Amino acid sequence: MTGHYPNTRLRRTRATAWSRALHRETILTPADLIWPLFVTAGTGVEEPIATLPGVSRWSVDGIVARAKEAVDLGIPVIALFPNTPRELRSDDGGEAHNPDNLMCQAIRAIKDACGNSIGVLTDVALDPYTSHGQDGLVDEAGYVVNDDTVAALVDQAVNQANAGADIIAPSDMMDGRIHAIRRALELHGHANVQIMSYAAKYASAFYGPFRDAVGSGGLLKGDKKTYQMDPANGDEALREVAMDIAEGADSVMVKPGLAYLDIIYRVKQRFDVPVFAYQVSGEYAMIEAAQAAGIGDRDALLMEKLMAFKRAGCSGILTYHAPHAARLLAG
């Protein structure tokens, strides 16, 4: 159905703020946000991350304070990533299975302090624990092996669920890991623990600051192109998502976000499942760099990007800007 000027003036409904609000098609609220946080060792520790201006690593007590802040801001979930000390990293990432590692300490402390007033999402991958910086176990040629890695990821996921994690988020991109983790969670009495799969995670140039944050950047040997997706591929992403849903994922993620809005849209249209985007560290850093250089307004850039994720079909967005965005949305 089309209209004709002047009977139809599309600017008519844009003329006032109240009318723009009334006709707005996409709504963004703090409940759409997930706040990624970095855990480090010690007590009373805050370590600013140079490549992520405004973001810090926090010791467990600081993470608990951030969780309480998230509750107050209406942010429903925080996502945890550990910065494992180098002396605890190994070729096999064995610290991932320690029930008293940084991740498990933080989960328990948050649940003790906040109960079910906030959800805790935990990363499942070995790169924060390996001495070589890869997401899995490597053979003598340096190739990340699939099935042995999946077995390690299963143990890691159960360890986190035992500590109280609400959402297990495998970010490793190994084949078959969703089915294996879902089966293990069921067997260990964690039927209500969700799985948010990093279903379409690309081998992206936007991850650099994150690797600094978890301490794996300087350790990484080689690249991750044998398991993370080729940025040129879109149809393959749909195959990855289809497999993960069939294997038991409750929701799926596309990572990075902004450069892959087409993938988010296609996934939502094809599968009509909860889809999340990760506004990754490089995307965050670019907004901060634009603000610092005086070539862009942080608030305007941030809110436009977050709205783009929602408009493309996202149920929610992981963003380091979550507390700032929540305050903006609260006025």
Protein backbone atom coordinates (compact mmCIF):
# COMPACT_ATOMS: atom_id res chain seq x y z
CA MET A 1 0.00 0.00 0.00
CA THR A 2 1.48 3.35 -0.99
CA GLY A 3 0.39 6.90 -0.35
CA HIS A 4 0.63 10.00 -2.45
CA TYR A 5 1.85 13.43 -1.51
CA PRO A 6 0.34 15.63 -0.09
CA ASN A 7 -2.33 13.29 1.32
CA THR A 8 0.55 11.29 2.77
CA ARG A 9 3.34 13.25 4.42
CA LEU A 10 5.73 10.84 6.09
CA ARG A 11 7.27 13.71 8.04
CA ARG A 12 3.92 14.36 9.75
CA THR A 13 4.52 11.78 12.49
CA ARG A 14 8.13 12.97 13.00
CA ALA A 15 7.20 16.57 13.74
CA THR A 16 7.20 16.31 17.57
CA ALA A 17 9.03 14.30 20.20
CA TRP A 18 5.83 12.77 21.58
CA SER A 19 4.77 11.64 18.13
CA ARG A 20 8.18 10.14 17.37
CA ALA A 21 7.94 8.20 20.65
CA LEU A 22 4.42 7.04 19.83
CA HIS A 23 5.40 5.70 16.41
CA ARG A 24 8.76 4.21 17.37
CA GLU A 25 9.03 0.67 16.02
CA THR A 26 11.99 -0.55 18.10
CA ILE A 27 12.30 -0.16 21.86
CA LEU A 28 15.53 -0.47 23.85
CA THR A 29 15.53 -0.85 27.66
CA PRO A 30 18.13 -1.78 30.31
CA ALA A 31 16.57 -5.27 30.30
CA ASP A 32 18.06 -5.74 26.81
CA LEU A 33 21.63 -5.42 28.12
CA ILE A 34 24.22 -7.89 29.35
CA TRP A 35 27.32 -6.45 31.05
CA PRO A 36 30.63 -8.29 30.45
CA LEU A 37 33.02 -8.10 33.42
CA PHE A 38 36.63 -9.23 33.89
CA VAL A 39 37.69 -11.03 37.08
CA THR A 40 41.24 -10.84 38.42
CA ALA A 41 43.02 -12.20 41.48
CA GLY A 42 43.33 -10.44 44.82
CA THR A 43 41.13 -8.35 47.07
CA GLY A 44 40.26 -4.69 46.59
CA VAL A 45 41.85 -4.75 43.14
CA GLU A 46 40.85 -2.62 40.16
CA GLU A 47 43.10 -2.83 37.11
CA PRO A 48 42.21 -0.38 34.31
CA ILE A 49 42.63 -1.92 30.85
CA ALA A 50 44.64 0.41 28.63
CA THR A 51 43.08 -0.77 25.36
CA LEU A 52 39.56 -0.54 26.80
CA PRO A 53 39.29 2.98 28.26
CA GLY A 54 36.81 3.03 31.13
CA VAL A 55 36.86 -0.77 31.62
CA SER A 56 38.73 -2.52 34.42
CA ARG A 57 39.49 -5.93 35.75
CA TRP A 58 38.04 -6.40 39.24
CA SER A 59 38.84 -8.76 42.07
CA VAL A 60 35.90 -10.85 43.26
CA ASP A 61 34.75 -8.28 45.82
CA GLY A 62 34.69 -5.64 43.08
CA ILE A 63 32.75 -7.95 40.79
CA VAL A 64 30.12 -8.35 43.52
CA ALA A 65 29.84 -4.57 43.76
CA ARG A 66 29.38 -4.37 39.97
CA ALA A 67 26.67 -7.05 40.17
CA LYS A 68 24.78 -5.00 42.76
CA GLU A 69 25.18 -1.95 40.52
CA ALA A 70 23.71 -3.91 37.61
CA VAL A 71 20.70 -4.87 39.72
CA ASP A 72 20.12 -1.23 40.63
CA LEU A 73 20.34 -0.23 36.95
CA GLY A 74 17.90 -2.89 35.78
CA ILE A 75 20.54 -4.89 33.87
CA PRO A 76 19.37 -8.52 34.15
CA VAL A 77 22.59 -10.44 33.41
CA ILE A 78 26.33 -10.03 33.86
CA ALA A 79 28.87 -12.06 31.86
CA LEU A 80 32.11 -13.15 33.52
CA PHE A 81 35.57 -13.58 31.98
CA PRO A 82 38.61 -14.46 34.12
CA ASN A 83 42.14 -13.10 33.84
CA THR A 84 43.89 -16.23 35.06
CA PRO A 85 47.38 -15.63 36.50
CA ARG A 86 50.12 -16.85 34.17
CA GLU A 87 51.51 -19.29 36.70
CA LEU A 88 48.13 -21.12 36.66
CA ARG A 89 47.96 -21.40 32.86
CA SER A 90 49.01 -24.63 31.19
CA ASP A 91 48.95 -26.32 27.80
CA ASP A 92 45.82 -28.25 28.75
CA GLY A 93 44.05 -25.35 30.52
CA GLY A 94 43.58 -27.46 33.62
CA GLU A 95 42.70 -24.47 35.82
CA ALA A 96 39.34 -24.31 34.00
CA HIS A 97 38.32 -27.43 35.96
CA ASN A 98 39.35 -26.10 39.39
CA PRO A 99 36.18 -25.61 41.49
CA ASP A 100 37.91 -22.71 43.25
CA ASN A 101 39.20 -20.87 40.17
CA LEU A 102 38.49 -17.16 39.67
CA MET A 103 35.34 -17.81 37.68
CA CYS A 104 33.81 -20.12 40.28
CA GLN A 105 34.78 -17.81 43.15
CA ALA A 106 33.05 -14.92 41.42
CA ILE A 107 29.91 -16.94 40.63
CA ARG A 108 29.50 -18.06 44.23
CA ALA A 109 30.15 -14.59 45.62
CA ILE A 110 27.60 -12.99 43.30
CA LYS A 111 24.97 -15.59 44.15
CA ASP A 112 25.65 -15.20 47.87
CA ALA A 113 25.24 -11.43 47.61
CA CYS A 114 22.49 -11.09 45.01
CA GLY A 115 20.68 -14.42 44.86
CA ASN A 116 18.41 -14.67 41.84
CA SER A 117 18.09 -10.91 41.41
CA ILE A 118 20.64 -11.15 38.60
CA GLY A 119 21.66 -13.82 36.13
CA VAL A 120 25.26 -14.94 35.76
CA LEU A 121 26.50 -15.90 32.29
CA THR A 122 29.83 -17.71 32.11
CA ASP A 123 32.23 -18.11 29.22
CA VAL A 124 33.18 -21.66 28.29
CA ALA A 125 36.44 -21.82 26.33
CA LEU A 126 40.00 -22.64 27.29
CA ASP A 127 41.82 -19.50 26.09
CA PRO A 128 41.75 -17.78 29.52
CA TYR A 129 43.47 -20.85 30.96
CA THR A 130 45.91 -22.08 28.30
CA SER A 131 49.55 -21.08 28.05
CA HIS A 132 49.26 -20.90 24.24
CA GLY A 133 46.15 -18.68 24.12
CA GLN A 134 44.06 -21.02 21.97
CA ASP A 135 40.45 -21.86 22.86
CA GLY A 136 41.17 -25.59 22.94
CA LEU A 137 43.76 -28.32 23.16
CA VAL A 138 46.45 -28.37 20.49
CA ASP A 139 48.34 -31.22 18.87
CA GLU A 140 52.05 -31.30 18.05
CA ALA A 141 51.44 -29.38 14.82
CA GLY A 142 49.61 -26.62 16.69
CA TYR A 143 46.16 -27.62 15.38
CA VAL A 144 43.27 -27.22 17.83
CA VAL A 145 41.79 -30.70 18.13
CA ASN A 146 38.02 -30.93 18.32
CA ASP A 147 36.82 -33.94 20.29
CA ASP A 148 39.36 -33.84 23.12
CA THR A 149 38.63 -30.12 23.48
CA VAL A 150 34.89 -30.83 23.71
CA ALA A 151 35.53 -33.24 26.58
CA ALA A 152 37.46 -30.53 28.42
CA LEU A 153 34.72 -27.98 27.74
CA VAL A 154 32.11 -30.32 29.19
CA ASP A 155 34.05 -30.56 32.46
CA GLN A 156 34.48 -26.77 32.48
CA ALA A 157 30.76 -26.19 31.93
CA VAL A 158 29.72 -28.59 34.69
CA ASN A 159 32.24 -26.98 37.04
CA GLN A 160 30.67 -23.56 36.42
CA ALA A 161 27.13 -24.90 36.77
CA ASN A 162 28.06 -26.51 40.07
CA ALA A 163 29.24 -23.10 41.28
CA GLY A 164 25.86 -21.56 40.41
CA ALA A 165 26.10 -20.27 36.82
CA ASP A 166 22.72 -19.54 35.26
CA ILE A 167 23.76 -19.44 31.59
CA ILE A 168 26.61 -21.41 30.06
CA ALA A 169 27.99 -19.63 26.99
CA PRO A 170 30.41 -21.78 24.93
CA SER A 171 32.55 -19.39 22.85
CA ASP A 172 35.02 -21.96 21.51
CA MET A 173 33.36 -22.90 18.16
CA MET A 174 34.15 -26.61 18.44
CA ASP A 175 31.80 -28.96 16.58
CA GLY A 176 29.36 -30.89 18.76
CA ARG A 177 30.03 -29.13 22.03
CA ILE A 178 26.44 -27.95 22.60
CA HIS A 179 25.03 -31.48 22.55
CA ALA A 180 27.80 -32.74 24.84
CA ILE A 181 27.37 -29.89 27.33
CA ARG A 182 23.57 -30.16 27.33
CA ARG A 183 23.75 -33.89 28.04
CA ALA A 184 26.25 -33.37 30.86
CA LEU A 185 24.17 -30.61 32.46
CA GLU A 186 21.13 -32.89 32.45
CA LEU A 187 23.11 -35.78 33.95
CA HIS A 188 24.49 -33.55 36.73
CA GLY A 189 21.14 -32.13 37.80
CA HIS A 190 21.38 -28.78 36.01
CA ALA A 191 18.32 -29.09 33.79
CA ASN A 192 17.42 -25.40 34.20
CA VAL A 193 20.87 -24.04 33.36
CA GLN A 194 20.60 -22.31 29.99
CA ILE A 195 23.01 -22.54 27.10
CA MET A 196 23.64 -19.40 25.05
CA SER A 197 25.77 -20.61 22.19
CA TYR A 198 28.30 -18.45 20.43
CA ALA A 199 26.86 -20.04 17.30
CA ALA A 200 28.28 -17.65 14.70
CA LYS A 201 31.59 -16.38 16.04
CA TYR A 202 33.82 -14.94 13.36
CA ALA A 203 37.61 -14.79 13.13
CA SER A 204 37.49 -11.04 13.55
CA ALA A 205 39.99 -8.21 13.80
CA PHE A 206 37.81 -6.59 16.49
CA TYR A 207 38.86 -8.84 19.40
CA GLY A 208 42.27 -7.36 20.27
CA PRO A 209 41.37 -5.42 23.44
CA PHE A 210 39.45 -8.40 24.85
CA ARG A 211 42.51 -10.61 24.56
CA ASP A 212 44.46 -8.01 26.50
CA ALA A 213 41.73 -8.00 29.15
CA VAL A 214 41.88 -11.77 29.77
CA GLY A 215 45.66 -11.91 29.41
CA SER A 216 45.75 -14.20 26.38
CA GLY A 217 46.80 -11.69 23.72
CA GLY A 218 50.52 -11.90 24.30
CA LEU A 219 50.35 -15.69 24.62
CA LEU A 220 48.46 -16.51 21.43
CA LYS A 221 50.47 -18.63 19.03
CA GLY A 222 49.07 -18.49 15.50
CA ASP A 223 45.46 -17.54 14.82
CA LYS A 224 41.98 -19.00 15.35
CA LYS A 225 40.87 -19.35 11.75
CA THR A 226 40.60 -23.16 11.86
CA TYR A 227 37.61 -22.91 14.24
CA GLN A 228 36.23 -19.36 14.18
CA MET A 229 34.23 -18.49 11.07
CA ASP A 230 35.44 -16.84 7.87
CA PRO A 231 34.03 -13.27 7.73
CA ALA A 232 33.15 -13.89 4.06
CA ASN A 233 30.57 -16.57 4.93
CA GLY A 234 26.91 -16.05 5.73
CA ASP A 235 25.19 -19.30 4.74
CA GLU A 236 27.64 -21.20 6.92
CA ALA A 237 26.48 -19.17 9.92
CA LEU A 238 22.94 -20.46 9.39
CA ARG A 239 24.25 -24.04 9.38
CA GLU A 240 26.12 -23.39 12.64
CA VAL A 241 23.00 -21.93 14.26
CA ALA A 242 20.79 -24.78 13.03
CA MET A 243 23.16 -27.36 14.51
CA ASP A 244 23.41 -25.62 17.87
CA ILE A 245 19.63 -25.26 18.20
CA ALA A 246 19.19 -28.95 17.35
CA GLU A 247 21.80 -29.85 19.96
CA GLY A 248 20.05 -27.97 22.77
CA ALA A 249 20.99 -24.28 22.72
CA ASP A 250 18.35 -22.08 24.35
CA SER A 251 19.62 -18.97 22.58
CA VAL A 252 22.33 -18.12 20.07
CA MET A 253 24.84 -15.33 19.66
CA VAL A 254 26.43 -13.58 16.71
CA LYS A 255 29.89 -12.15 17.39
CA PRO A 256 31.00 -9.47 16.58
CA GLY A 257 27.85 -7.42 16.28
CA LEU A 258 27.91 -4.34 14.10
CA ALA A 259 29.80 -5.79 11.13
CA TYR A 260 27.41 -8.77 11.12
CA LEU A 261 23.96 -7.18 11.33
CA ASP A 262 23.01 -9.08 8.17
CA ILE A 263 23.78 -12.36 9.96
CA ILE A 264 21.70 -11.35 12.99
CA TYR A 265 18.77 -10.50 10.72
CA ARG A 266 19.04 -13.74 8.73
CA VAL A 267 19.27 -15.87 11.87
CA LYS A 268 16.21 -14.22 13.40
CA GLN A 269 14.18 -14.52 10.22
CA ARG A 270 15.13 -18.15 9.64
CA PHE A 271 14.87 -19.60 13.14
CA ASP A 272 12.83 -17.16 15.26
CA VAL A 273 14.84 -17.99 18.38
CA PRO A 274 16.38 -15.58 20.90
CA VAL A 275 19.39 -14.01 19.19
CA PHE A 276 22.05 -12.00 21.00
CA ALA A 277 24.84 -9.82 19.68
CA TYR A 278 28.17 -9.10 21.30
CA GLN A 279 29.30 -5.51 20.81
CA VAL A 280 32.91 -6.59 21.12
CA SER A 281 35.92 -4.84 22.59
CA GLY A 282 37.08 -3.34 19.30
CA GLU A 283 33.65 -1.84 18.69
CA TYR A 284 33.61 -0.39 22.20
CA ALA A 285 37.12 1.02 21.78
CA MET A 286 36.21 2.74 18.52
CA ILE A 287 33.37 4.64 20.19
CA GLU A 288 35.69 5.73 22.98
CA ALA A 289 38.37 6.74 20.47
CA ALA A 290 35.85 8.81 18.51
CA GLN A 291 34.80 10.59 21.70
CA ALA A 292 38.42 11.24 22.72
CA ALA A 293 39.31 12.57 19.27
CA GLY A 294 36.30 14.89 19.20
CA ILE A 295 34.91 13.35 16.02
CA GLY A 296 31.82 11.71 17.50
CA ASP A 297 29.52 11.91 20.51
CA ARG A 298 29.78 8.79 22.69
CA ASP A 299 26.15 8.78 23.76
CA ALA A 300 24.74 9.26 20.28
CA LEU A 301 27.05 6.69 18.71
CA LEU A 302 26.34 4.15 21.43
CA MET A 303 22.57 4.42 21.39
CA GLU A 304 22.40 4.31 17.60
CA LYS A 305 24.47 1.13 17.53
CA LEU A 306 22.46 -0.55 20.27
CA MET A 307 19.23 0.34 18.49
CA ALA A 308 20.65 -1.15 15.29
CA PHE A 309 21.16 -4.48 17.06
CA LYS A 310 17.58 -4.46 18.33
CA ARG A 311 16.21 -3.43 14.95
CA ALA A 312 18.08 -6.31 13.29
CA GLY A 313 16.31 -8.77 15.60
CA CYS A 314 18.33 -9.09 18.79
CA SER A 315 16.71 -10.07 22.05
CA GLY A 316 19.68 -8.51 23.83
CA ILE A 317 23.19 -7.16 23.52
CA LEU A 318 26.41 -7.85 25.40
CA THR A 319 28.18 -4.51 25.72
CA TYR A 320 30.85 -2.98 27.95
CA HIS A 321 28.79 0.20 27.73
CA ALA A 322 25.89 -1.51 29.54
CA PRO A 323 25.90 0.62 32.75
CA HIS A 324 26.32 3.84 30.79
CA ALA A 325 23.57 2.87 28.37
CA ALA A 326 21.26 1.92 31.24
CA ARG A 327 21.75 5.33 32.83
CA LEU A 328 21.05 7.06 29.52
CA LEU A 329 17.88 5.03 29.07
CA ALA A 330 16.79 5.97 32.60
CA GLY A 331 17.16 9.63 31.68
